[in-house]
């Protein structure tokens, strides 16, 4: 069976006020469209309250990109039908016959919004009974081997079998403009944490040995590079004076218990009058290395 669409869910965006939420949603959709265009993927979008639906002939490629898109909490390749319990049941049974048999256990997780002549529990019971008749599988609500999800939203219903968890955070470009000096792999990690919080990053490189790694890393995360190569004699404060930035992100950490770290940060603060953000400050060396590996950086 071929999926009809991808359900895109976001977390923090939903907590914002109505106006900010709309802006964040529009930014998220714009970011996704730009990457799909870059990758030559033709897609169609539909937005509803709390959901974005993406239709494409290449679902698998879209899933890879969405997993690395800041602002998305989870995605599900899904089947779509009308909110008729008989139609829902037919698709649910067809899916289940390919996934389970008499030796497997399953559960149905149904949610519903809108006005219908049935409840979520009615859907779960009906689908559960129909699946048992066709597969002979057993129901296990606490620890099933297979879960069938049903989202009923007004006139449409969506059936899927997995929730793929994504990077989360906020859409890139919804927060401020930040600059960072790339002089190690951990400095790229520090910048990644701020990109996950929606910040646009300008990457300042003095040592060109890191340029190739940085460009490859940004490409893997579908991020358009904004890189400046600078003369080694130029100070960070001088570079920042040439453009407007809201903050500086650094890779400072106290894992070596080196008092020079705090002195260095204090000196930077004297030279630069914008906030200094150091997301790695409390991490150990092992934690930094582990997090570098998780996002595809060498250690």
Protein backbone atom coordinates (compact mmCIF):
# COMPACT_ATOMS: atom_id res chain seq x y z
CA UNK A 1 0.00 0.00 0.00
CA UNK A 2 1.28 3.44 -0.90
CA UNK A 3 0.91 6.26 1.60
CA UNK A 4 -1.23 9.25 0.66
CA UNK A 5 0.55 11.94 2.65
CA UNK A 6 2.80 12.84 5.59
CA UNK A 7 1.40 14.26 8.83
CA UNK A 8 3.73 16.90 10.31
CA UNK A 9 3.43 17.80 13.99
CA UNK A 10 5.08 20.64 15.87
CA UNK A 11 5.45 21.12 19.60
CA UNK A 12 6.52 24.51 20.92
CA UNK A 13 4.89 26.45 18.09
CA UNK A 14 1.49 25.39 19.39
CA UNK A 15 2.20 27.13 22.72
CA UNK A 16 2.64 30.55 21.11
CA UNK A 17 0.01 33.26 20.81
CA UNK A 18 -2.19 33.22 17.72
CA UNK A 19 -0.25 35.84 15.74
CA UNK A 20 3.20 34.48 16.60
CA UNK A 21 2.00 30.94 16.00
CA UNK A 22 0.84 31.84 12.49
CA UNK A 23 4.19 33.47 11.74
CA UNK A 24 6.12 30.46 13.04
CA UNK A 25 3.94 28.07 11.03
CA UNK A 26 4.47 30.11 7.87
CA UNK A 27 8.23 30.17 8.48
CA UNK A 28 8.29 26.41 9.02
CA UNK A 29 6.37 25.77 5.81
CA UNK A 30 8.62 28.19 3.91
CA UNK A 31 11.73 26.40 5.23
CA UNK A 32 10.35 23.02 4.15
CA UNK A 33 9.38 24.34 0.71
CA UNK A 34 12.85 25.79 0.15
CA UNK A 35 14.57 22.50 0.94
CA UNK A 36 12.16 20.46 -1.18
CA UNK A 37 12.72 22.85 -4.08
CA UNK A 38 16.47 22.52 -3.59
CA UNK A 39 16.13 18.72 -3.67
CA UNK A 40 13.78 18.84 -6.71
CA UNK A 41 10.87 17.32 -4.81
CA UNK A 42 7.37 18.32 -5.89
CA UNK A 43 5.01 18.57 -2.93
CA UNK A 44 1.64 20.02 -1.98
CA UNK A 45 0.87 21.48 1.43
CA UNK A 46 -2.30 21.73 3.48
CA UNK A 47 -2.36 23.41 6.88
CA UNK A 48 -4.89 22.81 9.65
CA UNK A 49 -4.90 23.76 13.32
CA UNK A 50 -1.96 21.90 14.87
CA UNK A 51 -1.09 19.95 11.73
CA UNK A 52 0.65 20.34 8.41
CA UNK A 53 -0.09 17.79 5.69
CA UNK A 54 2.39 17.15 2.89
CA UNK A 55 1.42 15.31 -0.29
CA UNK A 56 4.20 13.95 -2.49
CA UNK A 57 4.94 11.14 -4.91
CA UNK A 58 8.23 10.58 -3.07
CA UNK A 59 7.24 10.05 0.55
CA UNK A 60 10.49 8.32 1.60
CA UNK A 61 12.73 11.21 0.48
CA UNK A 62 10.45 13.75 2.14
CA UNK A 63 10.64 11.84 5.43
CA UNK A 64 14.46 12.04 5.45
CA UNK A 65 14.38 15.82 5.07
CA UNK A 66 11.61 16.43 7.59
CA UNK A 67 13.47 14.52 10.31
CA UNK A 68 16.22 17.16 10.10
CA UNK A 69 13.96 20.21 9.90
CA UNK A 70 14.02 22.40 13.00
CA UNK A 71 10.57 22.98 14.47
CA UNK A 72 9.09 19.56 13.68
CA UNK A 73 8.50 17.24 16.62
CA UNK A 74 7.22 14.15 14.77
CA UNK A 75 5.98 12.92 11.40
CA UNK A 76 3.86 10.02 10.18
CA UNK A 77 3.38 8.62 6.67
CA UNK A 78 -0.38 8.10 6.55
CA UNK A 79 -3.46 7.03 4.62
CA UNK A 80 -6.37 9.42 4.24
CA UNK A 81 -10.08 8.68 4.05
CA UNK A 82 -13.38 10.29 4.99
CA UNK A 83 -14.63 10.13 8.57
CA UNK A 84 -16.85 7.13 7.98
CA UNK A 85 -16.23 4.24 10.35
CA UNK A 86 -16.70 1.65 7.59
CA UNK A 87 -14.13 3.35 5.35
CA UNK A 88 -11.72 3.69 8.25
CA UNK A 89 -12.14 0.04 9.17
CA UNK A 90 -11.44 -1.19 5.63
CA UNK A 91 -8.10 0.64 5.46
CA UNK A 92 -7.23 -0.39 9.01
CA UNK A 93 -7.83 -4.06 8.22
CA UNK A 94 -5.87 -3.90 4.95
CA UNK A 95 -2.88 -2.37 6.78
CA UNK A 96 -3.08 -4.83 9.67
CA UNK A 97 -3.19 -7.89 7.41
CA UNK A 98 0.26 -6.92 6.11
CA UNK A 99 1.70 -6.32 9.58
CA UNK A 100 0.33 -8.92 11.99
CA UNK A 101 -0.98 -12.48 12.29
CA UNK A 102 -2.26 -14.80 15.00
CA UNK A 103 1.13 -14.78 16.71
CA UNK A 104 1.23 -10.99 17.13
CA UNK A 105 -0.48 -8.56 19.48
CA UNK A 106 -1.85 -5.14 18.59
CA UNK A 107 -3.67 -2.08 19.84
CA UNK A 108 -5.72 0.67 18.22
CA UNK A 109 -5.11 4.25 19.35
CA UNK A 110 -7.89 6.52 18.10
CA UNK A 111 -8.35 10.27 18.62
CA UNK A 112 -11.18 12.45 17.37
CA UNK A 113 -12.04 16.12 16.97
CA UNK A 114 -15.27 17.47 15.48
CA UNK A 115 -18.88 16.27 15.47
CA UNK A 116 -19.49 12.61 14.67
CA UNK A 117 -22.09 9.99 15.54
CA UNK A 118 -19.39 7.83 17.16
CA UNK A 119 -16.73 8.27 19.84
CA UNK A 120 -13.02 7.46 19.81
CA UNK A 121 -13.77 4.41 21.92
CA UNK A 122 -16.39 3.25 19.38
CA UNK A 123 -13.72 3.46 16.65
CA UNK A 124 -11.17 1.52 18.70
CA UNK A 125 -13.66 -1.24 19.52
CA UNK A 126 -14.95 -1.56 15.96
CA UNK A 127 -11.50 -1.59 14.37
CA UNK A 128 -10.16 -3.97 17.01
CA UNK A 129 -12.94 -6.47 16.38
CA UNK A 130 -12.57 -6.24 12.59
CA UNK A 131 -8.80 -6.72 12.79
CA UNK A 132 -9.16 -9.75 15.06
CA UNK A 133 -11.59 -11.38 12.60
CA UNK A 134 -9.17 -10.97 9.68
CA UNK A 135 -5.82 -11.60 11.37
CA UNK A 136 -6.60 -13.68 14.51
CA UNK A 137 -4.15 -11.42 16.34
CA UNK A 138 -4.63 -10.67 20.03
CA UNK A 139 -5.24 -7.31 21.67
CA UNK A 140 -2.63 -5.99 24.10
CA UNK A 141 -3.34 -2.42 25.19
CA UNK A 142 -0.35 -2.05 27.52
CA UNK A 143 2.52 -3.48 25.43
CA UNK A 144 1.41 -4.27 21.87
CA UNK A 145 3.77 -5.46 19.15
CA UNK A 146 1.90 -3.36 16.61
CA UNK A 147 -0.01 -0.10 17.03
CA UNK A 148 -2.54 1.26 14.58
CA UNK A 149 -3.18 5.00 14.96
CA UNK A 150 -6.31 6.78 13.79
CA UNK A 151 -6.74 10.56 13.82
CA UNK A 152 -10.27 11.66 13.02
CA UNK A 153 -10.42 15.38 12.31
CA UNK A 154 -13.84 16.63 11.25
CA UNK A 155 -14.60 15.23 7.77
CA UNK A 156 -11.24 13.55 7.22
CA UNK A 157 -9.49 10.66 8.92
CA UNK A 158 -5.84 9.62 8.87
CA UNK A 159 -4.55 6.11 9.56
CA UNK A 160 -0.88 5.40 10.26
CA UNK A 161 1.39 2.92 12.04
CA UNK A 162 4.33 4.98 13.32
CA UNK A 163 5.35 8.30 14.76
CA UNK A 164 8.85 9.22 13.64
CA UNK A 165 10.37 11.61 16.16
CA UNK A 166 12.28 14.55 14.70
CA UNK A 167 14.73 17.20 15.88
CA UNK A 168 12.07 19.51 17.39
CA UNK A 169 12.93 23.02 18.52
CA UNK A 170 11.79 26.15 16.65
CA UNK A 171 11.79 26.90 12.91
CA UNK A 172 15.08 28.30 11.66
CA UNK A 173 14.81 32.06 11.23
CA UNK A 174 12.14 32.74 13.85
CA UNK A 175 14.65 34.07 16.39
CA UNK A 176 17.64 36.42 16.21
CA UNK A 177 20.76 36.62 14.11
CA UNK A 178 23.86 35.16 15.74
CA UNK A 179 27.54 34.88 14.87
CA UNK A 180 29.95 32.15 15.91
CA UNK A 181 33.67 31.53 15.46
CA UNK A 182 34.34 28.04 14.08
CA UNK A 183 37.63 26.84 15.51
CA UNK A 184 36.68 23.27 16.50
CA UNK A 185 33.99 20.66 15.96
CA UNK A 186 32.47 21.56 19.31
CA UNK A 187 31.93 25.13 18.08
CA UNK A 188 29.77 23.72 15.27
CA UNK A 189 27.83 21.75 17.92
CA UNK A 190 27.28 24.94 19.94
CA UNK A 191 25.95 26.68 16.82
CA UNK A 192 23.64 23.71 16.09
CA UNK A 193 21.97 24.12 19.48
CA UNK A 194 21.17 27.75 18.67
CA UNK A 195 19.91 26.86 15.20
CA UNK A 196 17.61 24.37 16.89
CA UNK A 197 16.25 27.31 18.89
CA UNK A 198 15.40 29.13 15.65
CA UNK A 199 18.46 31.39 15.33
CA UNK A 200 20.09 32.23 12.00
CA UNK A 201 23.84 31.70 12.26
CA UNK A 202 26.71 33.43 10.53
CA UNK A 203 29.77 31.16 10.67
CA UNK A 204 33.10 32.92 11.00
CA UNK A 205 36.11 30.81 9.98
CA UNK A 206 39.74 31.72 10.68
CA UNK A 207 41.10 28.22 10.22
CA UNK A 208 40.03 26.97 6.78
CA UNK A 209 40.71 23.39 7.89
CA UNK A 210 37.16 23.37 9.31
CA UNK A 211 35.43 24.81 6.24
CA UNK A 212 34.88 21.53 4.41
CA UNK A 213 33.50 19.79 7.50
CA UNK A 214 31.20 22.73 8.22
CA UNK A 215 29.85 22.88 4.67
CA UNK A 216 29.23 19.13 4.57
CA UNK A 217 27.52 19.27 7.97
CA UNK A 218 25.20 22.10 6.94
CA UNK A 219 24.35 20.27 3.72
CA UNK A 220 23.37 17.15 5.68
CA UNK A 221 21.05 19.30 7.80
CA UNK A 222 19.65 21.09 4.73
CA UNK A 223 20.87 24.47 6.02
CA UNK A 224 21.94 27.18 3.59
CA UNK A 225 25.50 28.12 4.59
CA UNK A 226 26.27 31.67 5.65
CA UNK A 227 30.06 31.52 6.02
CA UNK A 228 32.62 34.30 6.31
CA UNK A 229 36.33 33.65 5.92
CA UNK A 230 38.35 36.13 7.94
CA UNK A 231 41.98 37.14 8.38
CA UNK A 232 43.53 35.53 11.48
CA UNK A 233 44.69 38.95 12.71
CA UNK A 234 41.15 40.30 12.93
CA UNK A 235 39.53 40.14 16.34
CA UNK A 236 36.03 38.81 16.89
CA UNK A 237 34.92 42.20 18.20
CA UNK A 238 36.12 43.87 14.98
CA UNK A 239 34.22 41.41 12.79
CA UNK A 240 31.03 41.88 14.79
CA UNK A 241 31.41 45.63 14.46
CA UNK A 242 30.96 45.27 10.71
CA UNK A 243 27.47 43.75 10.91
CA UNK A 244 24.52 43.67 13.24
CA UNK A 245 24.12 40.53 15.33
CA UNK A 246 21.91 39.85 18.33
CA UNK A 247 24.35 37.55 20.12
CA UNK A 248 27.56 35.54 19.90
CA UNK A 249 27.61 31.77 20.46
CA UNK A 250 30.78 30.16 21.80
CA UNK A 251 31.87 26.61 22.59
CA UNK A 252 33.14 27.39 26.09
CA UNK A 253 32.88 24.54 28.57
CA UNK A 254 34.04 24.03 32.14
CA UNK A 255 34.74 20.31 31.84
CA UNK A 256 38.50 20.86 32.30
CA UNK A 257 37.90 23.03 35.38
CA UNK A 258 40.13 25.65 33.80
CA UNK A 259 39.74 29.08 35.37
CA UNK A 260 41.05 30.59 32.12
CA UNK A 261 37.73 29.71 30.48
CA UNK A 262 35.81 32.14 32.68
CA UNK A 263 38.52 34.76 32.28
CA UNK A 264 38.33 34.41 28.52
CA UNK A 265 34.55 34.76 28.57
CA UNK A 266 34.86 37.81 30.79
CA UNK A 267 37.28 39.41 28.36
CA UNK A 268 35.00 38.71 25.39
CA UNK A 269 32.18 40.38 27.28
CA UNK A 270 34.34 43.48 27.74
CA UNK A 271 35.12 43.62 24.01
CA UNK A 272 31.63 42.75 22.75
CA UNK A 273 28.49 44.49 23.97
CA UNK A 274 25.97 41.89 22.79
CA UNK A 275 24.98 38.72 24.71
CA UNK A 276 27.31 35.72 24.76
CA UNK A 277 25.59 32.33 24.56
CA UNK A 278 27.52 29.20 25.59
CA UNK A 279 25.22 26.15 25.32
CA UNK A 280 28.04 23.68 26.10
CA UNK A 281 29.10 25.36 29.35
CA UNK A 282 27.94 22.58 31.70
CA UNK A 283 28.73 19.60 29.47
CA UNK A 284 31.52 17.14 30.11
CA UNK A 285 33.98 16.19 27.39
CA UNK A 286 32.20 12.84 26.94
CA UNK A 287 28.84 14.57 26.63
CA UNK A 288 30.18 16.96 24.01
CA UNK A 289 31.74 14.11 22.01
CA UNK A 290 28.56 12.04 22.28
CA UNK A 291 26.37 14.92 21.10
CA UNK A 292 28.75 15.63 18.21
CA UNK A 293 28.38 12.03 17.05
CA UNK A 294 24.57 12.17 17.34
CA UNK A 295 24.31 15.04 14.89
CA UNK A 296 26.98 13.80 12.49
CA UNK A 297 30.14 15.64 13.59
CA UNK A 298 33.58 14.05 14.05
CA UNK A 299 35.17 14.09 17.50
